[in-house]
Amino acid sequence: MSKLLMSIKPQYVKEIFLGNKKYEFRKRLSYQKCSKIIIYSTSPDKRIVGEVNVIETLEMAPSILWERTKDEAGISADKFQEYFKDVEKA
């Protein structure tokens, strides 16, 4: 499988590397499956900061996804709901 470069805000990058954020939420799935994500930390860092292994890719209604991932989401319910507003699948 391949690697995927993903840009992520610095506050979420920090939570990922602290182990508090085990899920990265996107409105669309990648076109190809990947086994690793290379993390690019956006402004002000503007650099590649590391990589993580992809264990599983989930796709479902946002409300179901939140219930399944909320304990290790690394973001608030409000941020999650705001991001997936008017989206059928997360």
Foldseek 3Di string as FASTA:
>chain_A
DAEAEDEDEPLVVVCVVVQLAPDDDDLDDDPDDHQKYFYQHDPPVRGTDGMDGDDDDDKFALVVVCVVCVRRHSDDPVVSCVVCPPGGMD
